[in-house]
Amino acid sequence: IQEYYVKPMNCPFHIQCYQFKKHSYRDLPVRYAELGTVYRYEKDGVRHGLFRVRGFTQDDAHIFCTPEQIVQEIRDTVNFAKKMLGKFGFTEVQAYLSTKPEKAVGDPERWEQATESLRAALEAEGLSYEVDEGGGAFYGPKIDMKIKDALGRPWQLGTVQFDFNLPERFDLTYVGADGKEHRPYMVHRALLGSIERFFGILIEHYAGAFPLWLAPEQVRVLPITDKQLEYAKGIQFALKAAGYRCEVDTSAEKLGAKIRGGTMMKVPYMVIVGGKDEAAGVISVRSRAEGDKGQMKLEDFIAALNAEKEG
């Protein structure tokens, strides 16, 4: 009988990648990243929708570096997290610096250096933070990053975590400039954490009204009658060619019902085409945010979409 185990974490596999060959100080930092699926046996009472599940995918990365590199590596990671969260509309990021608990493994000097590197990175990046004295894991200090959604509710997302335990247990080394073996610093980092949980937070934050670049359906074309169906499909083809997710409402509903349907689905833009639009070679645009925007040429509409998406 061959036994299989579900994977609770990605760390040992990245360590195996590191151990595949000997490393010099010139090779460092070494960074491994993956979207890795992991499993936790959450009890029935605490499981909750997308927010607490037994199987989920993390944007996990592990960084192996020298003592001289840790401040810059942490700073780059914090900056990366800020930029990524900002792209999703989360501009208020609160950080928590968790320090050494009473029971801990690892060299106290390394703990001090790691903690100060986390603090220095937060201050250099201008990120507001609070100190959780003694709140670190037994194997290293960490930064937790929380955001607030549209309702002001806090959610924990990214984590930057030092680990003094696994490099010792797996005997990780690199050859320094002195020709001797040294123990690398190991940093875990997840910027979004559970991808499923992050999707849940996004849905709650935007209440389904996603920004243009993120909306599953960005434009919906509404032909007033079947006579405009071919014209509508031509518009859809042009929008898809420009890189936009676009559907045509081919239902037999009246225009008012089609508009209500698009509004209920929170589609960012609806393009309405009737006989006069087709004859003039234009489209009528309705925006989720601004309502009726009137007639315009298709190329002008695409240019406006491009400007909004890039902005």
C-alpha atoms as a PDB file:
ATOM      1  CA  ILE A   1       0.000   0.000   0.000  1.00  0.00           C
ATOM      2  CA  GLN A   2       1.363   3.385  -0.975  1.00  0.00           C
ATOM      3  CA  GLU A   3       0.337   6.280   1.223  1.00  0.00           C
ATOM      4  CA  TYR A   4      -0.159   9.820  -0.041  1.00  0.00           C
ATOM      5  CA  TYR A   5      -0.337  13.012   1.963  1.00  0.00           C
ATOM      6  CA  VAL A   6      -1.946  16.307   1.067  1.00  0.00           C
ATOM      7  CA  LYS A   7       0.483  19.229   1.126  1.00  0.00           C
ATOM      8  CA  PRO A   8       0.034  21.677   4.049  1.00  0.00           C
ATOM      9  CA  MET A   9       2.766  24.087   2.901  1.00  0.00           C
ATOM     10  CA  ASN A  10       5.091  24.834  -0.011  1.00  0.00           C
ATOM     11  CA  CYS A  11       8.254  25.571   2.008  1.00  0.00           C
ATOM     12  CA  PRO A  12       9.972  22.132   1.950  1.00  0.00           C
ATOM     13  CA  PHE A  13       9.667  21.897  -1.827  1.00  0.00           C
ATOM     14  CA  HIS A  14      11.318  25.262  -2.369  1.00  0.00           C
ATOM     15  CA  ILE A  15      14.031  24.161   0.043  1.00  0.00           C
ATOM     16  CA  GLN A  16      14.588  21.059  -2.088  1.00  0.00           C
ATOM     17  CA  CYS A  17      14.993  23.342  -5.116  1.00  0.00           C
ATOM     18  CA  TYR A  18      17.617  25.332  -3.199  1.00  0.00           C
ATOM     19  CA  GLN A  19      19.425  22.132  -2.187  1.00  0.00           C
ATOM     20  CA  PHE A  20      19.617  20.933  -5.784  1.00  0.00           C
ATOM     21  CA  LYS A  21      23.076  22.488  -6.065  1.00  0.00           C
ATOM     22  CA  LYS A  22      25.706  24.195  -3.948  1.00  0.00           C
ATOM     23  CA  HIS A  23      25.399  27.967  -3.756  1.00  0.00           C
ATOM     24  CA  SER A  24      28.015  30.681  -3.545  1.00  0.00           C
ATOM     25  CA  TYR A  25      27.363  34.084  -1.987  1.00  0.00           C
ATOM     26  CA  ARG A  26      27.514  35.348  -5.589  1.00  0.00           C
ATOM     27  CA  ASP A  27      24.355  33.325  -6.393  1.00  0.00           C
ATOM     28  CA  LEU A  28      22.295  34.971  -3.671  1.00  0.00           C
ATOM     29  CA  PRO A  29      19.609  36.111  -3.345  1.00  0.00           C
ATOM     30  CA  VAL A  30      17.860  33.010  -4.683  1.00  0.00           C
ATOM     31  CA  ARG A  31      14.088  33.390  -5.020  1.00  0.00           C
ATOM     32  CA  TYR A  32      11.477  30.713  -5.735  1.00  0.00           C
ATOM     33  CA  ALA A  33       7.808  31.536  -6.294  1.00  0.00           C
ATOM     34  CA  GLU A  34       4.709  29.578  -7.240  1.00  0.00           C
ATOM     35  CA  LEU A  35       0.949  29.529  -7.020  1.00  0.00           C
ATOM     36  CA  GLY A  36       0.846  26.418  -4.840  1.00  0.00           C
ATOM     37  CA  THR A  37      -2.241  24.584  -3.617  1.00  0.00           C
ATOM     38  CA  VAL A  38      -2.133  23.606   0.060  1.00  0.00           C
ATOM     39  CA  TYR A  39      -4.561  22.008   2.504  1.00  0.00           C
ATOM     40  CA  ARG A  40      -5.540  22.680   6.122  1.00  0.00           C
ATOM     41  CA  TYR A  41      -8.053  20.618   8.077  1.00  0.00           C
ATOM     42  CA  GLU A  42     -10.304  23.490   9.116  1.00  0.00           C
ATOM     43  CA  LYS A  43     -13.135  22.419  11.399  1.00  0.00           C
ATOM     44  CA  ASP A  44     -16.733  22.676  10.236  1.00  0.00           C
ATOM     45  CA  GLY A  45     -17.531  25.508  12.626  1.00  0.00           C
ATOM     46  CA  VAL A  46     -14.873  27.859  11.244  1.00  0.00           C
ATOM     47  CA  ARG A  47     -15.176  27.211   7.508  1.00  0.00           C
ATOM     48  CA  HIS A  48     -16.828  30.143   5.778  1.00  0.00           C
ATOM     49  CA  GLY A  49     -17.402  30.578   2.037  1.00  0.00           C
ATOM     50  CA  LEU A  50     -14.239  31.610   0.202  1.00  0.00           C
ATOM     51  CA  PHE A  51     -12.758  33.113   3.358  1.00  0.00           C
ATOM     52  CA  ARG A  52     -11.920  29.921   5.279  1.00  0.00           C
ATOM     53  CA  VAL A  53     -11.547  26.727   3.265  1.00  0.00           C
ATOM     54  CA  ARG A  54      -9.706  23.425   3.532  1.00  0.00           C
ATOM     55  CA  GLY A  55      -7.951  23.613   0.180  1.00  0.00           C
ATOM     56  CA  PHE A  56      -6.625  26.854  -1.266  1.00  0.00           C
ATOM     57  CA  THR A  57      -3.916  28.296  -3.508  1.00  0.00           C
ATOM     58  CA  GLN A  58      -1.270  30.685  -2.194  1.00  0.00           C
ATOM     59  CA  ASP A  59       1.087  33.035  -4.018  1.00  0.00           C
ATOM     60  CA  ASP A  60       4.010  31.618  -2.086  1.00  0.00           C
ATOM     61  CA  ALA A  61       7.643  32.637  -2.437  1.00  0.00           C
ATOM     62  CA  HIS A  62      10.813  31.905  -0.495  1.00  0.00           C
ATOM     63  CA  ILE A  63      13.923  34.057  -0.577  1.00  0.00           C
ATOM     64  CA  PHE A  64      17.367  32.799   0.452  1.00  0.00           C
ATOM     65  CA  CYS A  65      19.851  35.611   1.021  1.00  0.00           C
ATOM     66  CA  THR A  66      22.903  36.838   2.917  1.00  0.00           C
ATOM     67  CA  PRO A  67      22.740  39.085   6.027  1.00  0.00           C
ATOM     68  CA  GLU A  68      23.802  42.066   3.898  1.00  0.00           C
ATOM     69  CA  GLN A  69      20.881  41.561   1.519  1.00  0.00           C
ATOM     70  CA  ILE A  70      17.955  41.222   3.905  1.00  0.00           C
ATOM     71  CA  VAL A  71      16.998  44.905   4.245  1.00  0.00           C
ATOM     72  CA  GLN A  72      16.791  45.416   0.476  1.00  0.00           C
ATOM     73  CA  GLU A  73      14.966  42.107  -0.050  1.00  0.00           C
ATOM     74  CA  ILE A  74      12.365  42.955   2.596  1.00  0.00           C
ATOM     75  CA  ARG A  75      12.000  46.476   1.241  1.00  0.00           C
ATOM     76  CA  ASP A  76      11.484  45.169  -2.302  1.00  0.00           C
ATOM     77  CA  THR A  77       8.876  42.705  -1.032  1.00  0.00           C
ATOM     78  CA  VAL A  78       6.957  45.356   0.922  1.00  0.00           C
ATOM     79  CA  ASN A  79       7.070  47.697  -2.079  1.00  0.00           C
ATOM     80  CA  PHE A  80       5.823  44.894  -4.350  1.00  0.00           C
ATOM     81  CA  ALA A  81       2.932  44.220  -1.955  1.00  0.00           C
ATOM     82  CA  LYS A  82       1.975  47.914  -1.841  1.00  0.00           C
ATOM     83  CA  LYS A  83       1.974  48.195  -5.625  1.00  0.00           C
ATOM     84  CA  MET A  84       0.005  44.998  -6.145  1.00  0.00           C
ATOM     85  CA  LEU A  85      -2.664  45.861  -3.567  1.00  0.00           C
ATOM     86  CA  GLY A  86      -2.869  49.389  -4.975  1.00  0.00           C
ATOM     87  CA  LYS A  87      -3.663  47.982  -8.423  1.00  0.00           C
ATOM     88  CA  PHE A  88      -6.697  46.273  -6.913  1.00  0.00           C
ATOM     89  CA  GLY A  89      -7.833  49.517  -5.279  1.00  0.00           C
ATOM     90  CA  PHE A  90      -6.569  48.865  -1.751  1.00  0.00           C
ATOM     91  CA  THR A  91      -4.582  51.985  -0.906  1.00  0.00           C
ATOM     92  CA  GLU A  92      -4.953  51.906   2.889  1.00  0.00           C
ATOM     93  CA  VAL A  93      -2.486  49.239   4.007  1.00  0.00           C
ATOM     94  CA  GLN A  94      -1.793  48.792   7.723  1.00  0.00           C
ATOM     95  CA  ALA A  95       1.231  46.710   8.707  1.00  0.00           C
ATOM     96  CA  TYR A  96       1.891  44.825  11.944  1.00  0.00           C
ATOM     97  CA  LEU A  97       5.441  43.987  13.000  1.00  0.00           C
ATOM     98  CA  SER A  98       5.465  40.882  15.200  1.00  0.00           C
ATOM     99  CA  THR A  99       8.584  40.438  17.324  1.00  0.00           C
ATOM    100  CA  LYS A 100      10.293  37.589  19.191  1.00  0.00           C
ATOM    101  CA  PRO A 101       8.099  35.523  21.560  1.00  0.00           C
ATOM    102  CA  GLU A 102       9.358  34.066  24.844  1.00  0.00           C
ATOM    103  CA  LYS A 103       9.910  30.636  23.311  1.00  0.00           C
ATOM    104  CA  ALA A 104      11.854  30.895  20.079  1.00  0.00           C
ATOM    105  CA  VAL A 105      14.499  29.086  18.051  1.00  0.00           C
ATOM    106  CA  GLY A 106      17.503  30.651  16.376  1.00  0.00           C
ATOM    107  CA  ASP A 107      20.378  32.944  17.249  1.00  0.00           C
ATOM    108  CA  PRO A 108      19.233  36.047  19.236  1.00  0.00           C
ATOM    109  CA  GLU A 109      21.547  38.208  17.145  1.00  0.00           C
ATOM    110  CA  ARG A 110      19.870  36.977  13.964  1.00  0.00           C
ATOM    111  CA  TRP A 111      16.456  37.680  15.496  1.00  0.00           C
ATOM    112  CA  GLU A 112      17.521  41.233  16.254  1.00  0.00           C
ATOM    113  CA  GLN A 113      18.951  41.788  12.782  1.00  0.00           C
ATOM    114  CA  ALA A 114      15.868  40.334  11.086  1.00  0.00           C
ATOM    115  CA  THR A 115      13.458  42.364  13.224  1.00  0.00           C
ATOM    116  CA  GLU A 116      15.331  45.581  12.528  1.00  0.00           C
ATOM    117  CA  SER A 117      15.401  44.824   8.796  1.00  0.00           C
ATOM    118  CA  LEU A 118      11.605  44.470   8.839  1.00  0.00           C
ATOM    119  CA  ARG A 119      11.268  47.741  10.737  1.00  0.00           C
ATOM    120  CA  ALA A 120      13.689  49.532   8.390  1.00  0.00           C
ATOM    121  CA  ALA A 121      11.818  48.299   5.315  1.00  0.00           C
ATOM    122  CA  LEU A 122       8.449  49.480   6.661  1.00  0.00           C
ATOM    123  CA  GLU A 123       9.835  52.909   7.506  1.00  0.00           C
ATOM    124  CA  ALA A 124      11.689  53.252   4.201  1.00  0.00           C
ATOM    125  CA  GLU A 125       8.488  52.448   2.300  1.00  0.00           C
ATOM    126  CA  GLY A 126       6.461  54.884   4.419  1.00  0.00           C
ATOM    127  CA  LEU A 127       4.028  52.193   5.530  1.00  0.00           C
ATOM    128  CA  SER A 128       2.040  52.791   8.708  1.00  0.00           C
ATOM    129  CA  TYR A 129       2.684  49.986  11.202  1.00  0.00           C
ATOM    130  CA  GLU A 130       2.090  48.829  14.749  1.00  0.00           C
ATOM    131  CA  VAL A 131       4.401  46.615  16.797  1.00  0.00           C
ATOM    132  CA  ASP A 132       3.006  43.374  18.207  1.00  0.00           C
ATOM    133  CA  GLU A 133       5.569  42.660  20.935  1.00  0.00           C
ATOM    134  CA  GLY A 134       6.166  38.922  21.289  1.00  0.00           C
ATOM    135  CA  GLY A 135       3.653  38.156  18.535  1.00  0.00           C
ATOM    136  CA  GLY A 136       6.095  36.546  16.130  1.00  0.00           C
ATOM    137  CA  ALA A 137       6.189  32.842  15.343  1.00  0.00           C
ATOM    138  CA  PHE A 138       8.667  30.731  17.322  1.00  0.00           C
ATOM    139  CA  TYR A 139      10.855  30.505  14.215  1.00  0.00           C
ATOM    140  CA  GLY A 140      11.077  34.183  13.200  1.00  0.00           C
ATOM    141  CA  PRO A 141       9.687  37.751  13.225  1.00  0.00           C
ATOM    142  CA  LYS A 142       7.170  38.801  10.590  1.00  0.00           C
ATOM    143  CA  ILE A 143       5.159  41.563   8.963  1.00  0.00           C
ATOM    144  CA  ASP A 144       1.428  41.087   8.441  1.00  0.00           C
ATOM    145  CA  MET A 145      -0.347  43.468   6.063  1.00  0.00           C
ATOM    146  CA  LYS A 146      -4.030  44.285   6.447  1.00  0.00           C
ATOM    147  CA  ILE A 147      -6.341  46.283   4.196  1.00  0.00           C
ATOM    148  CA  LYS A 148      -9.783  47.790   4.720  1.00  0.00           C
ATOM    149  CA  ASP A 149     -12.626  47.109   2.319  1.00  0.00           C
ATOM    150  CA  ALA A 150     -15.319  49.558   1.194  1.00  0.00           C
ATOM    151  CA  LEU A 151     -17.223  48.944   4.443  1.00  0.00           C
ATOM    152  CA  GLY A 152     -14.178  49.639   6.609  1.00  0.00           C
ATOM    153  CA  ARG A 153     -13.676  45.998   7.591  1.00  0.00           C
ATOM    154  CA  PRO A 154     -10.046  44.880   8.086  1.00  0.00           C
ATOM    155  CA  TRP A 155      -8.699  41.842   6.220  1.00  0.00           C
ATOM    156  CA  GLN A 156      -5.269  40.286   6.557  1.00  0.00           C
ATOM    157  CA  LEU A 157      -3.541  39.592   3.250  1.00  0.00           C
ATOM    158  CA  GLY A 158       0.224  39.663   2.797  1.00  0.00           C
ATOM    159  CA  THR A 159       2.825  38.207   5.145  1.00  0.00           C
ATOM    160  CA  VAL A 160       6.612  38.543   5.165  1.00  0.00           C
ATOM    161  CA  GLN A 161       8.085  35.993   7.578  1.00  0.00           C
ATOM    162  CA  PHE A 162      11.650  35.135   8.559  1.00  0.00           C
ATOM    163  CA  ASP A 163      12.374  31.486   9.291  1.00  0.00           C
ATOM    164  CA  PHE A 164      15.328  30.432  11.465  1.00  0.00           C
ATOM    165  CA  ASN A 165      13.997  26.897  11.936  1.00  0.00           C
ATOM    166  CA  LEU A 166      13.934  25.313   8.472  1.00  0.00           C
ATOM    167  CA  PRO A 167      17.440  26.410   7.368  1.00  0.00           C
ATOM    168  CA  GLU A 168      18.785  24.645  10.486  1.00  0.00           C
ATOM    169  CA  ARG A 169      16.630  21.536  10.106  1.00  0.00           C
ATOM    170  CA  PHE A 170      17.504  21.136   6.428  1.00  0.00           C
ATOM    171  CA  ASP A 171      21.117  22.280   6.947  1.00  0.00           C
ATOM    172  CA  LEU A 172      20.973  24.965   4.259  1.00  0.00           C
ATOM    173  CA  THR A 173      24.292  26.614   3.416  1.00  0.00           C
ATOM    174  CA  TYR A 174      26.093  28.831   0.961  1.00  0.00           C
ATOM    175  CA  VAL A 175      29.819  29.411   0.488  1.00  0.00           C
ATOM    176  CA  GLY A 176      30.827  32.907   1.578  1.00  0.00           C
ATOM    177  CA  ALA A 177      33.583  35.186   0.282  1.00  0.00           C
ATOM    178  CA  ASP A 178      35.836  33.655   2.958  1.00  0.00           C
ATOM    179  CA  GLY A 179      35.448  30.198   1.396  1.00  0.00           C
ATOM    180  CA  LYS A 180      33.531  28.909   4.433  1.00  0.00           C
ATOM    181  CA  GLU A 181      29.959  27.639   4.664  1.00  0.00           C
ATOM    182  CA  HIS A 182      27.343  29.988   6.106  1.00  0.00           C
ATOM    183  CA  ARG A 183      23.651  29.681   6.921  1.00  0.00           C
ATOM    184  CA  PRO A 184      21.431  31.760   4.597  1.00  0.00           C
ATOM    185  CA  TYR A 185      18.540  33.851   5.836  1.00  0.00           C
ATOM    186  CA  MET A 186      15.219  32.421   4.665  1.00  0.00           C
ATOM    187  CA  VAL A 187      12.167  34.614   4.105  1.00  0.00           C
ATOM    188  CA  HIS A 188       8.650  33.354   3.387  1.00  0.00           C
ATOM    189  CA  ARG A 189       6.354  35.774   1.619  1.00  0.00           C
ATOM    190  CA  ALA A 190       2.766  35.689   0.380  1.00  0.00           C
ATOM    191  CA  LEU A 191       1.413  38.958  -1.024  1.00  0.00           C
ATOM    192  CA  LEU A 192      -2.248  38.026  -1.509  1.00  0.00           C
ATOM    193  CA  GLY A 193      -2.287  34.938   0.697  1.00  0.00           C
ATOM    194  CA  SER A 194      -5.113  32.585  -0.253  1.00  0.00           C
ATOM    195  CA  ILE A 195      -6.197  33.487  -3.796  1.00  0.00           C
ATOM    196  CA  GLU A 196      -9.718  32.217  -3.072  1.00  0.00           C
ATOM    197  CA  ARG A 197      -9.925  34.393   0.025  1.00  0.00           C
ATOM    198  CA  PHE A 198      -8.639  37.381  -1.925  1.00  0.00           C
ATOM    199  CA  PHE A 199     -11.370  36.861  -4.543  1.00  0.00           C
ATOM    200  CA  GLY A 200     -13.920  36.899  -1.717  1.00  0.00           C
ATOM    201  CA  ILE A 201     -12.471  40.150  -0.358  1.00  0.00           C
ATOM    202  CA  LEU A 202     -12.544  41.732  -3.838  1.00  0.00           C
ATOM    203  CA  ILE A 203     -16.197  40.781  -4.321  1.00  0.00           C
ATOM    204  CA  GLU A 204     -17.111  42.211  -0.909  1.00  0.00           C
ATOM    205  CA  HIS A 205     -15.055  45.372  -1.481  1.00  0.00           C
ATOM    206  CA  TYR A 206     -16.537  46.219  -4.874  1.00  0.00           C
ATOM    207  CA  ALA A 207     -19.962  44.637  -4.225  1.00  0.00           C
ATOM    208  CA  GLY A 208     -19.596  43.145  -7.718  1.00  0.00           C
ATOM    209  CA  ALA A 209     -19.017  46.531  -9.413  1.00  0.00           C
ATOM    210  CA  PHE A 210     -15.449  45.764 -10.459  1.00  0.00           C
ATOM    211  CA  PRO A 211     -13.262  48.374 -12.166  1.00  0.00           C
ATOM    212  CA  LEU A 212     -13.101  48.080 -15.946  1.00  0.00           C
ATOM    213  CA  TRP A 213      -9.841  46.108 -16.120  1.00  0.00           C
ATOM    214  CA  LEU A 214     -11.065  43.555 -13.586  1.00  0.00           C
ATOM    215  CA  ALA A 215     -14.705  43.106 -14.664  1.00  0.00           C
ATOM    216  CA  PRO A 216     -15.445  39.597 -16.033  1.00  0.00           C
ATOM    217  CA  GLU A 217     -17.660  41.199 -18.699  1.00  0.00           C
ATOM    218  CA  GLN A 218     -16.416  44.658 -19.619  1.00  0.00           C
ATOM    219  CA  VAL A 219     -18.844  45.631 -22.375  1.00  0.00           C
ATOM    220  CA  ARG A 220     -22.281  44.342 -23.334  1.00  0.00           C
ATOM    221  CA  VAL A 221     -23.732  45.177 -26.755  1.00  0.00           C
ATOM    222  CA  LEU A 222     -27.517  45.603 -26.857  1.00  0.00           C
ATOM    223  CA  PRO A 223     -29.134  45.497 -30.321  1.00  0.00           C
ATOM    224  CA  ILE A 224     -32.578  47.111 -30.144  1.00  0.00           C
ATOM    225  CA  THR A 225     -34.004  44.610 -32.654  1.00  0.00           C
ATOM    226  CA  ASP A 226     -32.763  41.545 -34.508  1.00  0.00           C
ATOM    227  CA  LYS A 227     -32.147  43.775 -37.531  1.00  0.00           C
ATOM    228  CA  GLN A 228     -29.098  45.222 -35.731  1.00  0.00           C
ATOM    229  CA  LEU A 229     -27.740  41.813 -34.669  1.00  0.00           C
ATOM    230  CA  GLU A 230     -25.042  41.602 -37.351  1.00  0.00           C
ATOM    231  CA  TYR A 231     -23.960  45.177 -36.629  1.00  0.00           C
ATOM    232  CA  ALA A 232     -23.799  44.305 -32.920  1.00  0.00           C
ATOM    233  CA  LYS A 233     -21.663  41.240 -33.626  1.00  0.00           C
ATOM    234  CA  GLY A 234     -19.290  43.363 -35.702  1.00  0.00           C
ATOM    235  CA  ILE A 235     -18.901  45.719 -32.732  1.00  0.00           C
ATOM    236  CA  GLN A 236     -18.263  42.733 -30.454  1.00  0.00           C
ATOM    237  CA  PHE A 237     -15.595  41.450 -32.847  1.00  0.00           C
ATOM    238  CA  ALA A 238     -13.826  44.832 -32.880  1.00  0.00           C
ATOM    239  CA  LEU A 239     -13.930  45.126 -29.072  1.00  0.00           C
ATOM    240  CA  LYS A 240     -12.582  41.602 -28.616  1.00  0.00           C
ATOM    241  CA  ALA A 241      -9.830  42.347 -31.130  1.00  0.00           C
ATOM    242  CA  ALA A 242      -8.939  45.370 -28.975  1.00  0.00           C
ATOM    243  CA  GLY A 243      -8.599  43.055 -25.962  1.00  0.00           C
ATOM    244  CA  TYR A 244     -11.943  43.573 -24.215  1.00  0.00           C
ATOM    245  CA  ARG A 245     -14.316  40.973 -22.805  1.00  0.00           C
ATOM    246  CA  CYS A 246     -17.556  41.667 -24.640  1.00  0.00           C
ATOM    247  CA  GLU A 247     -20.896  39.882 -25.037  1.00  0.00           C
ATOM    248  CA  VAL A 248     -23.958  40.541 -27.213  1.00  0.00           C
ATOM    249  CA  ASP A 249     -27.421  40.334 -25.629  1.00  0.00           C
ATOM    250  CA  THR A 250     -29.288  38.275 -28.227  1.00  0.00           C
ATOM    251  CA  SER A 251     -32.380  37.778 -26.076  1.00  0.00           C
ATOM    252  CA  ALA A 252     -35.860  38.681 -27.302  1.00  0.00           C
ATOM    253  CA  GLU A 253     -36.310  41.115 -24.385  1.00  0.00           C
ATOM    254  CA  LYS A 254     -37.192  44.748 -24.980  1.00  0.00           C
ATOM    255  CA  LEU A 255     -34.408  47.309 -24.687  1.00  0.00           C
ATOM    256  CA  GLY A 256     -35.448  48.419 -21.188  1.00  0.00           C
ATOM    257  CA  ALA A 257     -35.197  44.851 -19.905  1.00  0.00           C
ATOM    258  CA  LYS A 258     -31.801  44.406 -21.561  1.00  0.00           C
ATOM    259  CA  ILE A 259     -30.520  47.574 -19.892  1.00  0.00           C
ATOM    260  CA  ARG A 260     -31.861  46.395 -16.517  1.00  0.00           C
ATOM    261  CA  GLY A 261     -30.108  43.055 -17.021  1.00  0.00           C
ATOM    262  CA  GLY A 262     -26.769  44.738 -17.723  1.00  0.00           C
ATOM    263  CA  THR A 263     -27.269  47.074 -14.772  1.00  0.00           C
ATOM    264  CA  MET A 264     -28.042  44.177 -12.419  1.00  0.00           C
ATOM    265  CA  MET A 265     -24.893  42.374 -13.606  1.00  0.00           C
ATOM    266  CA  LYS A 266     -22.912  45.611 -13.046  1.00  0.00           C
ATOM    267  CA  VAL A 267     -21.355  45.562 -16.500  1.00  0.00           C
ATOM    268  CA  PRO A 268     -19.133  48.688 -16.755  1.00  0.00           C
ATOM    269  CA  TYR A 269     -20.351  49.669 -20.239  1.00  0.00           C
ATOM    270  CA  MET A 270     -23.365  48.920 -22.409  1.00  0.00           C
ATOM    271  CA  VAL A 271     -23.325  49.716 -26.114  1.00  0.00           C
ATOM    272  CA  ILE A 272     -26.819  50.259 -27.526  1.00  0.00           C
ATOM    273  CA  VAL A 273     -27.292  49.986 -31.277  1.00  0.00           C
ATOM    274  CA  GLY A 274     -30.469  50.829 -33.162  1.00  0.00           C
ATOM    275  CA  GLY A 275     -31.309  51.489 -36.795  1.00  0.00           C
ATOM    276  CA  LYS A 276     -30.143  55.113 -36.683  1.00  0.00           C
ATOM    277  CA  ASP A 277     -26.836  54.123 -35.029  1.00  0.00           C
ATOM    278  CA  GLU A 278     -26.184  51.531 -37.720  1.00  0.00           C
ATOM    279  CA  ALA A 279     -27.088  53.945 -40.527  1.00  0.00           C
ATOM    280  CA  ALA A 280     -24.714  56.585 -39.121  1.00  0.00           C
ATOM    281  CA  GLY A 281     -21.963  54.052 -38.326  1.00  0.00           C
ATOM    282  CA  VAL A 282     -21.894  55.016 -34.627  1.00  0.00           C
ATOM    283  CA  ILE A 283     -22.791  53.511 -31.242  1.00  0.00           C
ATOM    284  CA  SER A 284     -24.718  54.781 -28.210  1.00  0.00           C
ATOM    285  CA  VAL A 285     -22.816  54.252 -24.966  1.00  0.00           C
ATOM    286  CA  ARG A 286     -24.179  53.824 -21.454  1.00  0.00           C
ATOM    287  CA  SER A 287     -21.729  53.852 -18.526  1.00  0.00           C
ATOM    288  CA  ARG A 288     -22.335  52.138 -15.193  1.00  0.00           C
ATOM    289  CA  ALA A 289     -20.800  55.119 -13.396  1.00  0.00           C
ATOM    290  CA  GLU A 290     -22.060  58.045 -15.495  1.00  0.00           C
ATOM    291  CA  GLY A 291     -25.196  56.845 -17.270  1.00  0.00           C
ATOM    292  CA  ASP A 292     -25.949  57.848 -20.868  1.00  0.00           C
ATOM    293  CA  LYS A 293     -22.854  59.160 -22.680  1.00  0.00           C
ATOM    294  CA  GLY A 294     -24.516  59.649 -26.069  1.00  0.00           C
ATOM    295  CA  GLN A 295     -23.396  58.632 -29.532  1.00  0.00           C
ATOM    296  CA  MET A 296     -19.778  58.202 -30.564  1.00  0.00           C
ATOM    297  CA  LYS A 297     -17.621  56.380 -33.061  1.00  0.00           C
ATOM    298  CA  LEU A 298     -16.475  52.899 -32.077  1.00  0.00           C
ATOM    299  CA  GLU A 299     -12.790  53.849 -32.357  1.00  0.00           C
ATOM    300  CA  ASP A 300     -13.342  56.779 -29.977  1.00  0.00           C
ATOM    301  CA  PHE A 301     -15.044  54.443 -27.497  1.00  0.00           C
ATOM    302  CA  ILE A 302     -12.129  51.997 -27.654  1.00  0.00           C
ATOM    303  CA  ALA A 303      -9.675  54.870 -27.118  1.00  0.00           C
ATOM    304  CA  ALA A 304     -11.672  55.954 -24.032  1.00  0.00           C
ATOM    305  CA  LEU A 305     -11.637  52.376 -22.702  1.00  0.00           C
ATOM    306  CA  ASN A 306      -7.875  52.180 -23.207  1.00  0.00           C
ATOM    307  CA  ALA A 307      -7.352  55.435 -21.321  1.00  0.00           C
ATOM    308  CA  GLU A 308      -9.544  54.271 -18.423  1.00  0.00           C
ATOM    309  CA  LYS A 309      -7.865  50.872 -18.214  1.00  0.00           C
ATOM    310  CA  GLU A 310      -4.364  52.329 -18.255  1.00  0.00           C
ATOM    311  CA  GLY A 311      -5.273  55.039 -15.750  1.00  0.00           C
END
